[in-house]
Amino acid sequence: MTTETNSGSCCGSGSCGSDTTVDVQGVGVTAVYKVSGMTCGHCEGAVSREISTLDGVTAVTAVAKSGEVTVTSATPLDEKAVRAAVDEAGYELVGRT
């Protein structure tokens, strides 16, 4: 069993890690989104996990330092679905880059 502990401010120093990637398999259409509010590896992981649950998503790479999330999917994603996933993770989708 895995236990996560939240110590409060989600690593405001940005020291948790970076470049979290969730690879689900395959290749396809790639889109880059700008997400505000990510500050650390925990943030990257939360956004990556939520987006990776969308139908057709094959890979997600979130980078807190740049605020960019690169998503590869079998077909183009509906931006409303991506926005909902980012919202569910607790962050804000600014738009596509």
Protein backbone atom coordinates (compact mmCIF):
# COMPACT_ATOMS: atom_id res chain seq x y z
CA MET A 1 0.00 0.00 0.00
CA THR A 2 1.22 3.49 -0.82
CA THR A 3 0.61 6.39 1.51
CA GLU A 4 0.79 10.04 0.43
CA THR A 5 1.33 12.74 2.99
CA ASN A 6 0.44 16.35 2.27
CA SER A 7 2.52 18.67 4.42
CA GLY A 8 0.53 21.78 3.56
CA SER A 9 1.84 24.12 0.90
CA CYS A 10 2.67 21.58 -1.82
CA CYS A 11 6.40 22.27 -1.78
CA GLY A 12 6.27 26.01 -2.31
CA SER A 13 10.03 25.89 -2.78
CA GLY A 14 9.68 23.81 -5.93
CA SER A 15 12.02 21.14 -4.57
CA CYS A 16 9.84 18.04 -5.09
CA GLY A 17 11.08 17.27 -8.59
CA SER A 18 10.36 18.16 -12.15
CA ASP A 19 9.42 16.87 -15.57
CA THR A 20 6.86 14.33 -14.39
CA THR A 21 5.87 12.04 -17.26
CA VAL A 22 3.00 9.59 -17.42
CA ASP A 23 3.44 7.34 -20.48
CA VAL A 24 0.32 5.38 -21.31
CA GLN A 25 1.55 3.87 -24.68
CA GLY A 26 1.85 4.85 -28.29
CA VAL A 27 2.02 8.02 -30.38
CA GLY A 28 -0.41 10.41 -32.02
CA VAL A 29 -1.40 14.08 -31.85
CA THR A 30 0.68 16.30 -29.55
CA ALA A 31 -0.60 19.50 -27.94
CA VAL A 32 1.09 21.80 -25.43
CA TYR A 33 -1.01 23.56 -22.79
CA LYS A 34 -0.13 26.32 -20.36
CA VAL A 35 -1.23 25.57 -16.78
CA SER A 36 -0.93 28.03 -13.91
CA GLY A 37 -0.30 27.15 -10.30
CA MET A 38 2.15 24.23 -10.66
CA THR A 39 5.18 24.72 -8.41
CA CYS A 40 6.71 21.27 -7.86
CA GLY A 41 6.82 17.60 -8.74
CA HIS A 42 3.68 16.88 -6.75
CA CYS A 43 1.82 19.44 -8.86
CA GLU A 44 3.20 17.96 -12.06
CA GLY A 45 2.08 14.50 -10.98
CA ALA A 46 -1.42 15.62 -10.05
CA VAL A 47 -1.97 17.34 -13.41
CA SER A 48 -0.41 14.44 -15.33
CA ARG A 49 -2.55 11.85 -13.56
CA GLU A 50 -5.81 13.70 -14.22
CA ILE A 51 -5.07 14.37 -17.89
CA SER A 52 -3.88 10.79 -18.44
CA THR A 53 -7.38 9.54 -17.56
CA LEU A 54 -8.90 11.25 -20.62
CA ASP A 55 -9.89 8.91 -23.47
CA GLY A 56 -7.20 8.61 -26.11
CA VAL A 57 -4.35 10.11 -24.07
CA THR A 58 -1.12 8.17 -24.60
CA ALA A 59 1.44 10.37 -22.79
CA VAL A 60 1.55 13.44 -20.55
CA THR A 61 4.59 15.49 -19.52
CA ALA A 62 4.09 18.33 -17.04
CA VAL A 63 6.86 20.82 -16.24
CA ALA A 64 6.16 23.09 -13.27
CA LYS A 65 9.05 25.46 -14.02
CA SER A 66 7.61 26.45 -17.42
CA GLY A 67 3.96 25.76 -16.59
CA GLU A 68 3.71 23.65 -19.74
CA VAL A 69 1.94 20.33 -20.10
CA THR A 70 2.61 18.32 -23.26
CA VAL A 71 -0.13 15.83 -24.08
CA THR A 72 0.01 13.14 -26.75
CA SER A 73 -3.28 11.52 -27.73
CA ALA A 74 -4.63 9.22 -30.43
CA THR A 75 -6.89 12.02 -31.70
CA PRO A 76 -7.15 15.75 -30.89
CA LEU A 77 -8.57 16.34 -27.40
CA ASP A 78 -11.55 18.51 -26.56
CA GLU A 79 -10.12 21.53 -24.72
CA LYS A 80 -13.12 21.51 -22.36
CA ALA A 81 -12.17 17.98 -21.25
CA VAL A 82 -8.55 19.02 -20.69
CA ARG A 83 -9.72 22.08 -18.74
CA ALA A 84 -11.97 19.90 -16.55
CA ALA A 85 -9.08 17.51 -15.83
CA VAL A 86 -6.73 20.36 -14.91
CA ASP A 87 -9.46 21.90 -12.71
CA GLU A 88 -9.97 18.52 -11.01
CA ALA A 89 -6.24 18.45 -10.20
CA GLY A 90 -6.61 21.89 -8.58
CA TYR A 91 -4.91 24.06 -11.20
CA GLU A 92 -5.96 26.41 -14.00
CA LEU A 93 -5.68 25.80 -17.72
CA VAL A 94 -4.55 29.05 -19.31
CA GLY A 95 -4.76 27.74 -22.89
CA ARG A 96 -2.75 26.10 -25.65
CA THR A 97 0.70 27.33 -26.60
